Amino acid sequence: MKLAPVALFVYNRPWHTQKTIEALEKNELASETDLIIFSDGPKDNDLSRQQVAEVRQYLKEVNGFKSVKIIERAQNYGLGKSIIAGVTETINHYGRIIVLEDDIITSRYFLKYLNEGLNLYENDNQVISIHSYIYPVKERLPEIYFLKGADCQGWATWKRGWDLFEPDGRKILAELETKNLTKEFDFNGAYPYTQLLKDQIAGKNSSWAVRWYGSAFLKNKLTLYPGESLIYNTGFDGSGANCGIVNIFNKTAKVENIKINMHRIEIKENLEAKKSIMKFFRTRNNFLLKFSSYLKNPKSAWKKIRQKLNV
């Protein structure tokens, strides 16, 4: 089986980075896999410089892979620029790639699943990527299925897929609006992807992920998803540069033995799976709205909770 290299993006979190690499090392195919680590440079303050130095010191000890290459950025790229540059560099050399960030714990079958998917669907141009995470929906999903677009947590693609990436958010937004696709882009209004894209254009975020999703969406490309996540995101503890503290996106931390049997399925979007995700998004939005209200006025919110519980 042809194996893709893993591009791992790290910044200033030594503990998270170590846990991510330790889990990856336990993968069945780790010893046959090239690992390329992109270490973003520090911001202009002492704490950032210290944290980045700690991460880089740990990286010198990493082994257990076919090869380990560490690319230390002298300047702080930020997550968006770091991933776009690193993925482009890697995929232009290898032709395919598996992408990880420094807060993802993987199943020991993670590499097997993604590599099998890359090999099985390599010549199916409608398939743009393979993804290893799915939201913790209540409904039972098929073992594997397709959804329109592309995603950003523990994923893999080919050069032909990444070549479709459009870095200019303005172009993506203009086409979405011209073709009246913003509602569909937002999962029928269940998630504000269009607003996220507008915020990226305005410089309020540097999201590469919404541009990757938009690029694939506009080309009517599909991504293969698992029925059960093969990863656990540890970044919802508030430590990440792009994360909050509310963790409603992980179903379980016990992903070590999650295994997906890769096989060929009909290449079309699974609308039932999409409905389950839309339902999850709406539930999530309701939860976050209530949580935000609690943070703004905890005494009032707690009083309402007590009244409902008759305490």
Foldseek 3Di string as FASTA:
>chain_A
DDFAAEEEEEEQAQVLQVQQLVLQLLAPQFQAHEYEYEYFAFDPDDNRNVRSVNNVVVLVVDDSHVYYHYHYHNHGPPDLRSVLVRVVVRQVVGQKYWYAYSFKRFASCLRVVQRVVCVVCVPPLLAFKEAQFDFPFPDQDPQKFKAFFDADHGMMGGPSNSVLQDQQLVVLLVVCVVVVNLCVLCLNVLHNLSVVSVCCNVVVDVDSGSSRRSSRNVVRHMYMYGSHHRMDGRPLCPPDPPHHVDDNRDPDHPNHNDDGDDDDDDPDHDVVSSVRVSVVSNVVVVVVVLVVVCVVPVVVSVVVVCVVVVD
